[in-house]
Amino acid sequence: MSLLTLLPFIVLIGAMFLMTRSAKKKQQQAIEMRNQMQPGSGVRTIGGMYATVKEVNEDTVLLDAGPGVELLFAKNSIGAVLSDDEYNRIVHGIEHDLKSDVVPDDASSLTETDDSSDAAAASDDTPVDLGKKDEADEPADATAEAKTDDQPKKSEGDSEAK
């Protein structure tokens, strides 16, 4: 047999090896994440439920889902261990103040003078045209159309012969 006939089989076996290797790597990362769970950390189950870890055993996890609600889950059912900020944002609606962490790209926004704000205030005093028209501004054609609409019209169901 020549090397050329074996080449497709070698490529196929190599591709299968690489795919199984990446899948094993992901499984190993998930196992590490689940082993690093500690009581008090927020988690999301594979079903989408958010809870706080109360107790971690070898194969199970006791979760606190609310006041007086304790649930026992298999460790494999934990989809993600969340950071405290992310858990509070999702469950309690507490937003982390991101504006204090943002640094502007340029310093011009930090060194603005009051002159620019005075100019903006002055431009606010001008009247705004909202597009309304007075009745005197209406064209004569519009009044002619209104008069023709007043005439009675025949509908399809009406017949004059009785």
C-alpha atoms as a PDB file:
ATOM      1  CA  MET A   1       0.000   0.000   0.000  1.00  0.00           C
ATOM      2  CA  SER A   2       1.210   3.440  -0.778  1.00  0.00           C
ATOM      3  CA  LEU A   3       1.303   6.398   1.555  1.00  0.00           C
ATOM      4  CA  LEU A   4      -1.226   8.248  -0.607  1.00  0.00           C
ATOM      5  CA  THR A   5      -3.974   5.695   0.085  1.00  0.00           C
ATOM      6  CA  LEU A   6      -3.342   5.857   3.833  1.00  0.00           C
ATOM      7  CA  LEU A   7      -3.281   9.673   3.979  1.00  0.00           C
ATOM      8  CA  PRO A   8      -7.113  10.189   4.268  1.00  0.00           C
ATOM      9  CA  PHE A   9      -7.284   7.684   7.134  1.00  0.00           C
ATOM     10  CA  ILE A  10      -4.409   9.376   8.939  1.00  0.00           C
ATOM     11  CA  VAL A  11      -6.058  12.813   8.573  1.00  0.00           C
ATOM     12  CA  LEU A  12      -9.383  11.409   9.826  1.00  0.00           C
ATOM     13  CA  ILE A  13      -7.791   9.805  12.879  1.00  0.00           C
ATOM     14  CA  GLY A  14      -5.886  13.051  13.626  1.00  0.00           C
ATOM     15  CA  ALA A  15      -9.076  15.136  13.449  1.00  0.00           C
ATOM     16  CA  MET A  16     -10.902  12.732  15.780  1.00  0.00           C
ATOM     17  CA  PHE A  17      -8.011  12.913  18.236  1.00  0.00           C
ATOM     18  CA  LEU A  18      -8.077  16.732  18.269  1.00  0.00           C
ATOM     19  CA  MET A  19     -11.868  16.837  18.777  1.00  0.00           C
ATOM     20  CA  THR A  20     -11.820  14.425  21.692  1.00  0.00           C
ATOM     21  CA  ARG A  21      -8.879  16.271  23.221  1.00  0.00           C
ATOM     22  CA  SER A  22     -10.766  19.619  23.256  1.00  0.00           C
ATOM     23  CA  ALA A  23     -13.888  17.946  24.682  1.00  0.00           C
ATOM     24  CA  LYS A  24     -11.832  16.383  27.476  1.00  0.00           C
ATOM     25  CA  LYS A  25     -10.261  19.761  28.201  1.00  0.00           C
ATOM     26  CA  LYS A  26     -13.714  21.376  28.582  1.00  0.00           C
ATOM     27  CA  GLN A  27     -14.877  18.559  30.860  1.00  0.00           C
ATOM     28  CA  GLN A  28     -11.782  18.977  33.015  1.00  0.00           C
ATOM     29  CA  GLN A  29     -12.418  22.737  33.335  1.00  0.00           C
ATOM     30  CA  ALA A  30     -16.040  22.072  34.376  1.00  0.00           C
ATOM     31  CA  ILE A  31     -14.907  19.569  37.014  1.00  0.00           C
ATOM     32  CA  GLU A  32     -12.382  22.090  38.375  1.00  0.00           C
ATOM     33  CA  MET A  33     -15.052  24.798  38.521  1.00  0.00           C
ATOM     34  CA  ARG A  34     -17.424  22.513  40.426  1.00  0.00           C
ATOM     35  CA  ASN A  35     -14.689  21.460  42.847  1.00  0.00           C
ATOM     36  CA  GLN A  36     -13.865  25.094  43.628  1.00  0.00           C
ATOM     37  CA  MET A  37     -17.417  25.805  44.833  1.00  0.00           C
ATOM     38  CA  GLN A  38     -17.575  27.047  48.405  1.00  0.00           C
ATOM     39  CA  PRO A  39     -20.500  27.791  50.700  1.00  0.00           C
ATOM     40  CA  GLY A  40     -21.777  31.298  50.074  1.00  0.00           C
ATOM     41  CA  SER A  41     -20.950  31.465  46.368  1.00  0.00           C
ATOM     42  CA  GLY A  42     -23.683  32.089  43.813  1.00  0.00           C
ATOM     43  CA  VAL A  43     -24.346  29.452  41.164  1.00  0.00           C
ATOM     44  CA  ARG A  44     -26.552  28.850  38.117  1.00  0.00           C
ATOM     45  CA  THR A  45     -27.816  25.344  37.518  1.00  0.00           C
ATOM     46  CA  ILE A  46     -28.035  23.787  34.061  1.00  0.00           C
ATOM     47  CA  GLY A  47     -31.791  24.358  34.304  1.00  0.00           C
ATOM     48  CA  GLY A  48     -31.289  28.112  34.747  1.00  0.00           C
ATOM     49  CA  MET A  49     -32.027  28.436  38.476  1.00  0.00           C
ATOM     50  CA  TYR A  50     -29.902  30.852  40.499  1.00  0.00           C
ATOM     51  CA  ALA A  51     -29.098  29.987  44.093  1.00  0.00           C
ATOM     52  CA  THR A  52     -26.480  30.285  46.818  1.00  0.00           C
ATOM     53  CA  VAL A  53     -24.355  27.305  47.826  1.00  0.00           C
ATOM     54  CA  LYS A  54     -25.062  26.301  51.395  1.00  0.00           C
ATOM     55  CA  GLU A  55     -23.139  23.025  51.642  1.00  0.00           C
ATOM     56  CA  VAL A  56     -20.843  21.078  49.311  1.00  0.00           C
ATOM     57  CA  ASN A  57     -20.529  17.283  49.564  1.00  0.00           C
ATOM     58  CA  GLU A  58     -18.637  14.792  47.415  1.00  0.00           C
ATOM     59  CA  ASP A  59     -21.362  14.281  44.780  1.00  0.00           C
ATOM     60  CA  THR A  60     -24.108  16.691  45.877  1.00  0.00           C
ATOM     61  CA  VAL A  61     -24.603  20.382  46.585  1.00  0.00           C
ATOM     62  CA  LEU A  62     -27.157  21.885  48.976  1.00  0.00           C
ATOM     63  CA  LEU A  63     -28.472  25.144  47.521  1.00  0.00           C
ATOM     64  CA  ASP A  64     -30.392  27.950  49.214  1.00  0.00           C
ATOM     65  CA  ALA A  65     -32.889  29.220  46.636  1.00  0.00           C
ATOM     66  CA  GLY A  66     -34.732  31.613  48.935  1.00  0.00           C
ATOM     67  CA  PRO A  67     -35.962  32.060  52.481  1.00  0.00           C
ATOM     68  CA  GLY A  68     -36.671  28.571  53.797  1.00  0.00           C
ATOM     69  CA  VAL A  69     -36.051  26.847  50.434  1.00  0.00           C
ATOM     70  CA  GLU A  70     -33.162  24.388  50.420  1.00  0.00           C
ATOM     71  CA  LEU A  71     -32.601  22.138  47.418  1.00  0.00           C
ATOM     72  CA  LEU A  72     -30.275  19.190  46.989  1.00  0.00           C
ATOM     73  CA  PHE A  73     -28.642  18.971  43.549  1.00  0.00           C
ATOM     74  CA  ALA A  74     -26.059  16.706  41.972  1.00  0.00           C
ATOM     75  CA  LYS A  75     -22.732  18.453  41.492  1.00  0.00           C
ATOM     76  CA  ASN A  76     -22.959  17.789  37.758  1.00  0.00           C
ATOM     77  CA  SER A  77     -26.089  19.928  37.531  1.00  0.00           C
ATOM     78  CA  ILE A  78     -24.194  23.132  38.368  1.00  0.00           C
ATOM     79  CA  GLY A  79     -23.729  25.031  35.124  1.00  0.00           C
ATOM     80  CA  ALA A  80     -21.650  27.977  36.344  1.00  0.00           C
ATOM     81  CA  VAL A  81     -20.193  29.441  39.505  1.00  0.00           C
ATOM     82  CA  LEU A  82     -20.830  33.198  39.406  1.00  0.00           C
ATOM     83  CA  SER A  83     -18.830  36.081  40.832  1.00  0.00           C
ATOM     84  CA  ASP A  84     -20.467  38.068  43.631  1.00  0.00           C
ATOM     85  CA  ASP A  85     -21.051  41.112  41.402  1.00  0.00           C
ATOM     86  CA  GLU A  86     -22.663  39.062  38.650  1.00  0.00           C
ATOM     87  CA  TYR A  87     -24.854  37.102  41.096  1.00  0.00           C
ATOM     88  CA  ASN A  88     -26.078  40.297  42.811  1.00  0.00           C
ATOM     89  CA  ARG A  89     -26.757  41.945  39.455  1.00  0.00           C
ATOM     90  CA  ILE A  90     -28.855  39.021  38.205  1.00  0.00           C
ATOM     91  CA  VAL A  91     -30.680  37.928  41.356  1.00  0.00           C
ATOM     92  CA  HIS A  92     -31.034  41.119  43.394  1.00  0.00           C
ATOM     93  CA  GLY A  93     -30.887  43.673  40.591  1.00  0.00           C
ATOM     94  CA  ILE A  94     -27.956  45.488  42.195  1.00  0.00           C
ATOM     95  CA  GLU A  95     -25.959  47.227  39.494  1.00  0.00           C
ATOM     96  CA  HIS A  96     -22.274  47.852  40.018  1.00  0.00           C
ATOM     97  CA  ASP A  97     -21.468  51.525  39.418  1.00  0.00           C
ATOM     98  CA  LEU A  98     -19.600  51.259  36.137  1.00  0.00           C
ATOM     99  CA  LYS A  99     -19.448  55.033  35.581  1.00  0.00           C
ATOM    100  CA  SER A 100     -16.899  55.481  38.352  1.00  0.00           C
ATOM    101  CA  ASP A 101     -14.625  52.878  36.742  1.00  0.00           C
ATOM    102  CA  VAL A 102     -14.685  54.438  33.252  1.00  0.00           C
ATOM    103  CA  VAL A 103     -11.796  56.684  32.260  1.00  0.00           C
ATOM    104  CA  PRO A 104     -12.504  59.068  29.363  1.00  0.00           C
ATOM    105  CA  ASP A 105     -10.467  58.730  26.177  1.00  0.00           C
ATOM    106  CA  ASP A 106      -9.466  62.370  26.212  1.00  0.00           C
ATOM    107  CA  ALA A 107      -9.151  64.965  28.937  1.00  0.00           C
ATOM    108  CA  SER A 108     -11.360  67.555  27.186  1.00  0.00           C
ATOM    109  CA  SER A 109     -14.480  66.317  28.979  1.00  0.00           C
ATOM    110  CA  LEU A 110     -12.733  66.838  32.322  1.00  0.00           C
ATOM    111  CA  THR A 111     -11.593  70.394  31.562  1.00  0.00           C
ATOM    112  CA  GLU A 112     -14.746  71.915  30.056  1.00  0.00           C
ATOM    113  CA  THR A 113     -15.289  75.576  30.902  1.00  0.00           C
ATOM    114  CA  ASP A 114     -18.540  77.262  31.823  1.00  0.00           C
ATOM    115  CA  ASP A 115     -18.552  79.167  28.476  1.00  0.00           C
ATOM    116  CA  SER A 116     -19.801  76.123  26.605  1.00  0.00           C
ATOM    117  CA  SER A 117     -22.602  75.576  29.093  1.00  0.00           C
ATOM    118  CA  ASP A 118     -23.656  79.286  28.794  1.00  0.00           C
ATOM    119  CA  ALA A 119     -23.842  78.947  25.023  1.00  0.00           C
ATOM    120  CA  ALA A 120     -26.017  75.837  25.352  1.00  0.00           C
ATOM    121  CA  ALA A 121     -28.345  77.645  27.771  1.00  0.00           C
ATOM    122  CA  ALA A 122     -28.657  80.599  25.391  1.00  0.00           C
ATOM    123  CA  SER A 123     -29.635  78.360  22.504  1.00  0.00           C
ATOM    124  CA  ASP A 124     -32.414  76.831  24.614  1.00  0.00           C
ATOM    125  CA  ASP A 125     -34.265  80.198  24.729  1.00  0.00           C
ATOM    126  CA  THR A 126     -35.167  80.148  21.021  1.00  0.00           C
ATOM    127  CA  PRO A 127     -38.697  78.956  20.189  1.00  0.00           C
ATOM    128  CA  VAL A 128     -39.053  75.555  18.624  1.00  0.00           C
ATOM    129  CA  ASP A 129     -41.229  75.084  15.523  1.00  0.00           C
ATOM    130  CA  LEU A 130     -43.330  71.984  16.092  1.00  0.00           C
ATOM    131  CA  GLY A 131     -44.870  72.066  12.631  1.00  0.00           C
ATOM    132  CA  LYS A 132     -48.355  73.228  13.653  1.00  0.00           C
ATOM    133  CA  LYS A 133     -50.180  75.430  11.168  1.00  0.00           C
ATOM    134  CA  ASP A 134     -52.906  77.978  11.707  1.00  0.00           C
ATOM    135  CA  GLU A 135     -56.268  77.601   9.931  1.00  0.00           C
ATOM    136  CA  ALA A 136     -55.512  80.699   7.856  1.00  0.00           C
ATOM    137  CA  ASP A 137     -52.412  78.971   6.461  1.00  0.00           C
ATOM    138  CA  GLU A 138     -54.420  76.035   5.033  1.00  0.00           C
ATOM    139  CA  PRO A 139     -54.722  75.933   1.216  1.00  0.00           C
ATOM    140  CA  ALA A 140     -58.073  76.585  -0.456  1.00  0.00           C
ATOM    141  CA  ASP A 141     -58.093  73.079  -1.963  1.00  0.00           C
ATOM    142  CA  ALA A 142     -58.496  71.522   1.468  1.00  0.00           C
ATOM    143  CA  THR A 143     -61.738  73.446   2.109  1.00  0.00           C
ATOM    144  CA  ALA A 144     -63.122  72.425  -1.290  1.00  0.00           C
ATOM    145  CA  GLU A 145     -62.453  68.769  -0.507  1.00  0.00           C
ATOM    146  CA  ALA A 146     -64.222  69.101   2.830  1.00  0.00           C
ATOM    147  CA  LYS A 147     -67.349  70.449   1.119  1.00  0.00           C
ATOM    148  CA  THR A 148     -67.522  67.550  -1.355  1.00  0.00           C
ATOM    149  CA  ASP A 149     -67.270  65.064   1.513  1.00  0.00           C
ATOM    150  CA  ASP A 150     -70.507  66.405   2.994  1.00  0.00           C
ATOM    151  CA  GLN A 151     -72.612  65.069   0.074  1.00  0.00           C
ATOM    152  CA  PRO A 152     -74.348  61.755   0.800  1.00  0.00           C
ATOM    153  CA  LYS A 153     -72.808  58.774  -0.870  1.00  0.00           C
ATOM    154  CA  LYS A 154     -74.414  55.552  -1.982  1.00  0.00           C
ATOM    155  CA  SER A 155     -73.173  52.408  -0.368  1.00  0.00           C
ATOM    156  CA  GLU A 156     -73.079  49.090  -2.114  1.00  0.00           C
ATOM    157  CA  GLY A 157     -75.899  47.606  -0.051  1.00  0.00           C
ATOM    158  CA  ASP A 158     -78.371  50.454  -0.668  1.00  0.00           C
ATOM    159  CA  SER A 159     -80.713  50.294  -3.670  1.00  0.00           C
ATOM    160  CA  GLU A 160     -83.130  52.959  -4.791  1.00  0.00           C
ATOM    161  CA  ALA A 161     -85.675  50.586  -6.322  1.00  0.00           C
ATOM    162  CA  LYS A 162     -88.196  49.279  -3.827  1.00  0.00           C
END
